[in-house]
Amino acid sequence: MIEFERSQRQRKIEPTKRRCHRCHGQGRCACHACGGTGKVVTSRDVMKGPEMGRCTACFGNKTRRCPNCGGEGFVT
């Protein structure tokens, strides 16, 4: 009986992983800096119109690694 109790204590229960609610399991989210467009306003021209440039947060890729799951797609 004592052996059975020891084996039960030694067995570790692994936490269940759930799909990330923020990225829906993909591991990537829309960039928060550019809103998923890949471009941001870098300056204004002579006519006060915006000059667009590549987003420095996502480097123009439009998505970033999910901050909630770290890009894994699952959380514990």
PDB file of N, CA and C in Angstrom:
ATOM      1  N   MET A   1       0.815  -1.186   0.000  1.00  0.00           N
ATOM      2  CA  MET A   1       0.000   0.000   0.000  1.00  0.00           C
ATOM      3  C   MET A   1       0.867   1.262   0.000  1.00  0.00           C
ATOM      4  N   ILE A   2       1.954   1.203   0.708  1.00  0.00           N
ATOM      5  CA  ILE A   2       2.832   2.364   0.787  1.00  0.00           C
ATOM      6  C   ILE A   2       3.462   2.646  -0.573  1.00  0.00           C
ATOM      7  N   GLU A   3       3.805   1.602  -1.313  1.00  0.00           N
ATOM      8  CA  GLU A   3       4.375   1.786  -2.652  1.00  0.00           C
ATOM      9  C   GLU A   3       3.392   2.484  -3.584  1.00  0.00           C
ATOM     10  N   PHE A   4       2.144   2.132  -3.504  1.00  0.00           N
ATOM     11  CA  PHE A   4       1.118   2.749  -4.337  1.00  0.00           C
ATOM     12  C   PHE A   4       0.994   4.245  -4.030  1.00  0.00           C
ATOM     13  N   GLU A   5       1.033   4.608  -2.759  1.00  0.00           N
ATOM     14  CA  GLU A   5       0.933   6.018  -2.367  1.00  0.00           C
ATOM     15  C   GLU A   5       2.145   6.802  -2.852  1.00  0.00           C
ATOM     16  N   ARG A   6       3.324   6.207  -2.816  1.00  0.00           N
ATOM     17  CA  ARG A   6       4.531   6.876  -3.304  1.00  0.00           C
ATOM     18  C   ARG A   6       4.449   7.121  -4.805  1.00  0.00           C
ATOM     19  N   SER A   7       3.982   6.124  -5.535  1.00  0.00           N
ATOM     20  CA  SER A   7       3.891   6.285  -6.984  1.00  0.00           C
ATOM     21  C   SER A   7       2.874   7.365  -7.352  1.00  0.00           C
ATOM     22  N   GLN A   8       1.826   7.482  -6.580  1.00  0.00           N
ATOM     23  CA  GLN A   8       0.827   8.511  -6.845  1.00  0.00           C
ATOM     24  C   GLN A   8       1.380   9.910  -6.564  1.00  0.00           C
ATOM     25  N   ARG A   9       2.211  10.046  -5.548  1.00  0.00           N
ATOM     26  CA  ARG A   9       2.804  11.342  -5.225  1.00  0.00           C
ATOM     27  C   ARG A   9       3.864  11.735  -6.241  1.00  0.00           C
ATOM     28  N   GLN A  10       4.590  10.772  -6.775  1.00  0.00           N
ATOM     29  CA  GLN A  10       5.672  11.049  -7.700  1.00  0.00           C
ATOM     30  C   GLN A  10       5.170  11.387  -9.098  1.00  0.00           C
ATOM     31  N   ARG A  11       3.980  10.949  -9.449  1.00  0.00           N
ATOM     32  CA  ARG A  11       3.430  11.221 -10.770  1.00  0.00           C
ATOM     33  C   ARG A  11       3.076  12.702 -10.869  1.00  0.00           C
ATOM     34  N   LYS A  12       3.621  13.353 -11.876  1.00  0.00           N
ATOM     35  CA  LYS A  12       3.366  14.780 -12.044  1.00  0.00           C
ATOM     36  C   LYS A  12       2.243  14.985 -13.044  1.00  0.00           C
ATOM     37  N   ILE A  13       1.385  15.910 -12.733  1.00  0.00           N
ATOM     38  CA  ILE A  13       0.281  16.234 -13.629  1.00  0.00           C
ATOM     39  C   ILE A  13       0.701  17.435 -14.462  1.00  0.00           C
ATOM     40  N   GLU A  14       0.692  17.255 -15.768  1.00  0.00           N
ATOM     41  CA  GLU A  14       1.064  18.341 -16.668  1.00  0.00           C
ATOM     42  C   GLU A  14      -0.121  19.283 -16.856  1.00  0.00           C
ATOM     43  N   PRO A  15       0.137  20.594 -16.853  1.00  0.00           N
ATOM     44  CA  PRO A  15      -0.973  21.531 -17.061  1.00  0.00           C
ATOM     45  C   PRO A  15      -1.502  21.437 -18.490  1.00  0.00           C
ATOM     46  N   THR A  16      -2.789  21.590 -18.618  1.00  0.00           N
ATOM     47  CA  THR A  16      -3.383  21.528 -19.955  1.00  0.00           C
ATOM     48  C   THR A  16      -3.141  22.842 -20.686  1.00  0.00           C
ATOM     49  N   LYS A  17      -2.889  22.738 -21.970  1.00  0.00           N
ATOM     50  CA  LYS A  17      -2.668  23.925 -22.778  1.00  0.00           C
ATOM     51  C   LYS A  17      -3.944  24.251 -23.541  1.00  0.00           C
ATOM     52  N   ARG A  18      -4.273  25.538 -23.528  1.00  0.00           N
ATOM     53  CA  ARG A  18      -5.446  26.017 -24.251  1.00  0.00           C
ATOM     54  C   ARG A  18      -4.994  26.913 -25.394  1.00  0.00           C
ATOM     55  N   ARG A  19      -5.799  26.999 -26.418  1.00  0.00           N
ATOM     56  CA  ARG A  19      -5.488  27.863 -27.547  1.00  0.00           C
ATOM     57  C   ARG A  19      -5.555  29.317 -27.086  1.00  0.00           C
ATOM     58  N   CYS A  20      -4.622  30.120 -27.526  1.00  0.00           N
ATOM     59  CA  CYS A  20      -4.537  31.528 -27.128  1.00  0.00           C
ATOM     60  C   CYS A  20      -5.759  32.284 -27.646  1.00  0.00           C
ATOM     61  N   HIS A  21      -6.395  33.049 -26.768  1.00  0.00           N
ATOM     62  CA  HIS A  21      -7.596  33.784 -27.164  1.00  0.00           C
ATOM     63  C   HIS A  21      -7.271  35.034 -27.968  1.00  0.00           C
ATOM     64  N   ARG A  22      -6.064  35.541 -27.858  1.00  0.00           N
ATOM     65  CA  ARG A  22      -5.707  36.769 -28.555  1.00  0.00           C
ATOM     66  C   ARG A  22      -5.365  36.519 -30.027  1.00  0.00           C
ATOM     67  N   CYS A  23      -4.574  35.482 -30.290  1.00  0.00           N
ATOM     68  CA  CYS A  23      -4.151  35.205 -31.677  1.00  0.00           C
ATOM     69  C   CYS A  23      -4.886  34.016 -32.282  1.00  0.00           C
ATOM     70  N   HIS A  24      -5.781  33.384 -31.515  1.00  0.00           N
ATOM     71  CA  HIS A  24      -6.568  32.233 -31.969  1.00  0.00           C
ATOM     72  C   HIS A  24      -5.688  31.055 -32.393  1.00  0.00           C
ATOM     73  N   GLY A  25      -4.573  30.890 -31.704  1.00  0.00           N
ATOM     74  CA  GLY A  25      -3.698  29.750 -31.949  1.00  0.00           C
ATOM     75  C   GLY A  25      -2.708  29.931 -33.078  1.00  0.00           C
ATOM     76  N   GLN A  26      -2.661  31.090 -33.715  1.00  0.00           N
ATOM     77  CA  GLN A  26      -1.754  31.304 -34.831  1.00  0.00           C
ATOM     78  C   GLN A  26      -0.363  31.750 -34.371  1.00  0.00           C
ATOM     79  N   GLY A  27      -0.272  32.381 -33.213  1.00  0.00           N
ATOM     80  CA  GLY A  27       1.015  32.862 -32.715  1.00  0.00           C
ATOM     81  C   GLY A  27       1.380  34.243 -33.224  1.00  0.00           C
ATOM     82  N   ARG A  28       0.589  34.821 -34.110  1.00  0.00           N
ATOM     83  CA  ARG A  28       0.841  36.160 -34.667  1.00  0.00           C
ATOM     84  C   ARG A  28      -0.409  37.016 -34.509  1.00  0.00           C
ATOM     85  N   CYS A  29      -0.197  38.307 -34.216  1.00  0.00           N
ATOM     86  CA  CYS A  29      -1.287  39.270 -34.081  1.00  0.00           C
ATOM     87  C   CYS A  29      -1.000  40.458 -34.972  1.00  0.00           C
ATOM     88  N   ALA A  30      -2.032  41.223 -35.261  1.00  0.00           N
ATOM     89  CA  ALA A  30      -1.850  42.453 -36.041  1.00  0.00           C
ATOM     90  C   ALA A  30      -0.968  43.406 -35.250  1.00  0.00           C
ATOM     91  N   CYS A  31      -0.108  44.109 -35.949  1.00  0.00           N
ATOM     92  CA  CYS A  31       0.813  45.054 -35.311  1.00  0.00           C
ATOM     93  C   CYS A  31       0.025  46.177 -34.658  1.00  0.00           C
ATOM     94  N   HIS A  32       0.366  46.503 -33.421  1.00  0.00           N
ATOM     95  CA  HIS A  32      -0.352  47.558 -32.713  1.00  0.00           C
ATOM     96  C   HIS A  32       0.097  48.953 -33.151  1.00  0.00           C
ATOM     97  N   ALA A  33       1.300  49.087 -33.670  1.00  0.00           N
ATOM     98  CA  ALA A  33       1.830  50.397 -34.053  1.00  0.00           C
ATOM     99  C   ALA A  33       1.215  50.901 -35.359  1.00  0.00           C
ATOM    100  N   CYS A  34       1.063  50.014 -36.335  1.00  0.00           N
ATOM    101  CA  CYS A  34       0.534  50.440 -37.640  1.00  0.00           C
ATOM    102  C   CYS A  34      -0.896  49.969 -37.873  1.00  0.00           C
ATOM    103  N   GLY A  35      -1.447  49.202 -36.948  1.00  0.00           N
ATOM    104  CA  GLY A  35      -2.805  48.710 -37.109  1.00  0.00           C
ATOM    105  C   GLY A  35      -2.936  47.629 -38.158  1.00  0.00           C
ATOM    106  N   GLY A  36      -1.842  46.978 -38.511  1.00  0.00           N
ATOM    107  CA  GLY A  36      -1.878  45.904 -39.489  1.00  0.00           C
ATOM    108  C   GLY A  36      -1.722  46.371 -40.927  1.00  0.00           C
ATOM    109  N   THR A  37      -1.319  47.622 -41.145  1.00  0.00           N
ATOM    110  CA  THR A  37      -1.152  48.112 -42.513  1.00  0.00           C
ATOM    111  C   THR A  37       0.289  47.983 -42.996  1.00  0.00           C
ATOM    112  N   GLY A  38       1.243  47.965 -42.083  1.00  0.00           N
ATOM    113  CA  GLY A  38       2.650  47.870 -42.456  1.00  0.00           C
ATOM    114  C   GLY A  38       3.298  49.213 -42.722  1.00  0.00           C
ATOM    115  N   LYS A  39       2.497  50.287 -42.689  1.00  0.00           N
ATOM    116  CA  LYS A  39       3.021  51.632 -42.960  1.00  0.00           C
ATOM    117  C   LYS A  39       2.596  52.594 -41.867  1.00  0.00           C
ATOM    118  N   VAL A  40       3.462  53.554 -41.572  1.00  0.00           N
ATOM    119  CA  VAL A  40       3.166  54.605 -40.600  1.00  0.00           C
ATOM    120  C   VAL A  40       3.558  55.951 -41.195  1.00  0.00           C
ATOM    121  N   VAL A  41       3.006  57.008 -40.635  1.00  0.00           N
ATOM    122  CA  VAL A  41       3.344  58.361 -41.084  1.00  0.00           C
ATOM    123  C   VAL A  41       4.725  58.710 -40.522  1.00  0.00           C
ATOM    124  N   THR A  42       5.670  58.998 -41.420  1.00  0.00           N
ATOM    125  CA  THR A  42       7.025  59.328 -40.975  1.00  0.00           C
ATOM    126  C   THR A  42       7.243  60.833 -40.887  1.00  0.00           C
ATOM    127  N   SER A  43       6.625  61.593 -41.784  1.00  0.00           N
ATOM    128  CA  SER A  43       6.758  63.048 -41.767  1.00  0.00           C
ATOM    129  C   SER A  43       5.655  63.658 -42.620  1.00  0.00           C
ATOM    130  N   ARG A  44       5.695  64.957 -42.755  1.00  0.00           N
ATOM    131  CA  ARG A  44       4.725  65.683 -43.586  1.00  0.00           C
ATOM    132  C   ARG A  44       5.468  66.360 -44.725  1.00  0.00           C
ATOM    133  N   ASP A  45       4.840  66.407 -45.904  1.00  0.00           N
ATOM    134  CA  ASP A  45       5.459  67.083 -47.040  1.00  0.00           C
ATOM    135  C   ASP A  45       5.116  68.579 -47.021  1.00  0.00           C
ATOM    136  N   VAL A  46       5.500  69.296 -48.067  1.00  0.00           N
ATOM    137  CA  VAL A  46       5.296  70.741 -48.139  1.00  0.00           C
ATOM    138  C   VAL A  46       3.817  71.109 -48.072  1.00  0.00           C
ATOM    139  N   MET A  47       2.970  70.313 -48.660  1.00  0.00           N
ATOM    140  CA  MET A  47       1.528  70.582 -48.684  1.00  0.00           C
ATOM    141  C   MET A  47       0.814  70.021 -47.453  1.00  0.00           C
ATOM    142  N   LYS A  48       1.555  69.651 -46.430  1.00  0.00           N
ATOM    143  CA  LYS A  48       1.047  69.091 -45.170  1.00  0.00           C
ATOM    144  C   LYS A  48       0.405  67.716 -45.344  1.00  0.00           C
ATOM    145  N   GLY A  49       0.725  67.047 -46.415  1.00  0.00           N
ATOM    146  CA  GLY A  49       0.245  65.686 -46.638  1.00  0.00           C
ATOM    147  C   GLY A  49       1.175  64.694 -45.956  1.00  0.00           C
ATOM    148  N   PRO A  50       0.669  63.562 -45.560  1.00  0.00           N
ATOM    149  CA  PRO A  50       1.508  62.577 -44.861  1.00  0.00           C
ATOM    150  C   PRO A  50       2.465  61.850 -45.807  1.00  0.00           C
ATOM    151  N   GLU A  51       3.663  61.638 -45.353  1.00  0.00           N
ATOM    152  CA  GLU A  51       4.614  60.784 -46.068  1.00  0.00           C
ATOM    153  C   GLU A  51       4.675  59.470 -45.313  1.00  0.00           C
ATOM    154  N   MET A  52       4.357  58.399 -46.012  1.00  0.00           N
ATOM    155  CA  MET A  52       4.286  57.092 -45.379  1.00  0.00           C
ATOM    156  C   MET A  52       5.620  56.366 -45.487  1.00  0.00           C
ATOM    157  N   GLY A  53       5.943  55.619 -44.456  1.00  0.00           N
ATOM    158  CA  GLY A  53       7.152  54.814 -44.449  1.00  0.00           C
ATOM    159  C   GLY A  53       6.874  53.465 -43.827  1.00  0.00           C
ATOM    160  N   ARG A  54       7.836  52.585 -43.902  1.00  0.00           N
ATOM    161  CA  ARG A  54       7.676  51.234 -43.362  1.00  0.00           C
ATOM    162  C   ARG A  54       7.590  51.280 -41.834  1.00  0.00           C
ATOM    163  N   CYS A  55       6.716  50.495 -41.260  1.00  0.00           N
ATOM    164  CA  CYS A  55       6.539  50.433 -39.811  1.00  0.00           C
ATOM    165  C   CYS A  55       7.804  49.863 -39.173  1.00  0.00           C
ATOM    166  N   THR A  56       8.290  50.527 -38.128  1.00  0.00           N
ATOM    167  CA  THR A  56       9.507  50.063 -37.463  1.00  0.00           C
ATOM    168  C   THR A  56       9.225  48.978 -36.432  1.00  0.00           C
ATOM    169  N   ALA A  57       7.972  48.828 -36.023  1.00  0.00           N
ATOM    170  CA  ALA A  57       7.638  47.801 -35.038  1.00  0.00           C
ATOM    171  C   ALA A  57       7.545  46.410 -35.670  1.00  0.00           C
ATOM    172  N   CYS A  58       6.923  46.322 -36.851  1.00  0.00           N
ATOM    173  CA  CYS A  58       6.742  45.021 -37.515  1.00  0.00           C
ATOM    174  C   CYS A  58       7.576  44.905 -38.787  1.00  0.00           C
ATOM    175  N   PHE A  59       8.339  45.946 -39.111  1.00  0.00           N
ATOM    176  CA  PHE A  59       9.190  45.985 -40.306  1.00  0.00           C
ATOM    177  C   PHE A  59       8.391  45.774 -41.595  1.00  0.00           C
ATOM    178  N   GLY A  60       7.137  46.234 -41.600  1.00  0.00           N
ATOM    179  CA  GLY A  60       6.305  46.148 -42.785  1.00  0.00           C
ATOM    180  C   GLY A  60       5.620  44.807 -42.982  1.00  0.00           C
ATOM    181  N   ASN A  61       5.757  43.894 -42.037  1.00  0.00           N
ATOM    182  CA  ASN A  61       5.150  42.561 -42.171  1.00  0.00           C
ATOM    183  C   ASN A  61       3.678  42.515 -41.769  1.00  0.00           C
ATOM    184  N   LYS A  62       3.183  43.565 -41.163  1.00  0.00           N
ATOM    185  CA  LYS A  62       1.789  43.727 -40.740  1.00  0.00           C
ATOM    186  C   LYS A  62       1.410  42.912 -39.507  1.00  0.00           C
ATOM    187  N   THR A  63       2.222  41.966 -39.109  1.00  0.00           N
ATOM    188  CA  THR A  63       1.930  41.179 -37.913  1.00  0.00           C
ATOM    189  C   THR A  63       3.156  41.112 -37.022  1.00  0.00           C
ATOM    190  N   ARG A  64       2.897  40.834 -35.757  1.00  0.00           N
ATOM    191  CA  ARG A  64       3.969  40.657 -34.780  1.00  0.00           C
ATOM    192  C   ARG A  64       3.687  39.393 -33.978  1.00  0.00           C
ATOM    193  N   ARG A  65       4.688  38.953 -33.244  1.00  0.00           N
ATOM    194  CA  ARG A  65       4.512  37.793 -32.378  1.00  0.00           C
ATOM    195  C   ARG A  65       3.506  38.146 -31.288  1.00  0.00           C
ATOM    196  N   CYS A  66       2.623  37.231 -30.987  1.00  0.00           N
ATOM    197  CA  CYS A  66       1.575  37.465 -29.998  1.00  0.00           C
ATOM    198  C   CYS A  66       2.199  37.704 -28.620  1.00  0.00           C
ATOM    199  N   PRO A  67       1.853  38.818 -27.955  1.00  0.00           N
ATOM    200  CA  PRO A  67       2.429  39.077 -26.635  1.00  0.00           C
ATOM    201  C   PRO A  67       1.824  38.212 -25.548  1.00  0.00           C
ATOM    202  N   ASN A  68       0.654  37.652 -25.787  1.00  0.00           N
ATOM    203  CA  ASN A  68      -0.005  36.835 -24.778  1.00  0.00           C
ATOM    204  C   ASN A  68       0.620  35.448 -24.658  1.00  0.00           C
ATOM    205  N   CYS A  69       0.884  34.799 -25.770  1.00  0.00           N
ATOM    206  CA  CYS A  69       1.416  33.435 -25.755  1.00  0.00           C
ATOM    207  C   CYS A  69       2.879  33.380 -26.171  1.00  0.00           C
ATOM    208  N   GLY A  70       3.454  34.504 -26.571  1.00  0.00           N
ATOM    209  CA  GLY A  70       4.853  34.533 -26.978  1.00  0.00           C
ATOM    210  C   GLY A  70       5.095  33.888 -28.328  1.00  0.00           C
ATOM    211  N   GLY A  71       4.072  33.784 -29.148  1.00  0.00           N
ATOM    212  CA  GLY A  71       4.218  33.205 -30.467  1.00  0.00           C
ATOM    213  C   GLY A  71       4.012  31.703 -30.528  1.00  0.00           C
ATOM    214  N   GLU A  72       3.695  31.103 -29.402  1.00  0.00           N
ATOM    215  CA  GLU A  72       3.498  29.651 -29.353  1.00  0.00           C
ATOM    216  C   GLU A  72       2.115  29.242 -29.847  1.00  0.00           C
ATOM    217  N   GLY A  73       1.117  30.089 -29.604  1.00  0.00           N
ATOM    218  CA  GLY A  73      -0.243  29.769 -30.013  1.00  0.00           C
ATOM    219  C   GLY A  73      -1.075  29.141 -28.916  1.00  0.00           C
ATOM    220  N   PHE A  74      -0.418  28.713 -27.847  1.00  0.00           N
ATOM    221  CA  PHE A  74      -1.117  28.081 -26.730  1.00  0.00           C
ATOM    222  C   PHE A  74      -0.674  28.683 -25.401  1.00  0.00           C
ATOM    223  N   VAL A  75      -1.578  28.734 -24.446  1.00  0.00           N
ATOM    224  CA  VAL A  75      -1.270  29.207 -23.098  1.00  0.00           C
ATOM    225  C   VAL A  75      -1.630  28.126 -22.104  1.00  0.00           C
ATOM    226  N   THR A  76      -0.975  28.145 -20.969  1.00  0.00           N
ATOM    227  CA  THR A  76      -1.266  27.138 -19.932  1.00  0.00           C
ATOM    228  C   THR A  76      -2.288  27.621 -18.961  1.00  0.00           C
TER     229      THR A  76
END
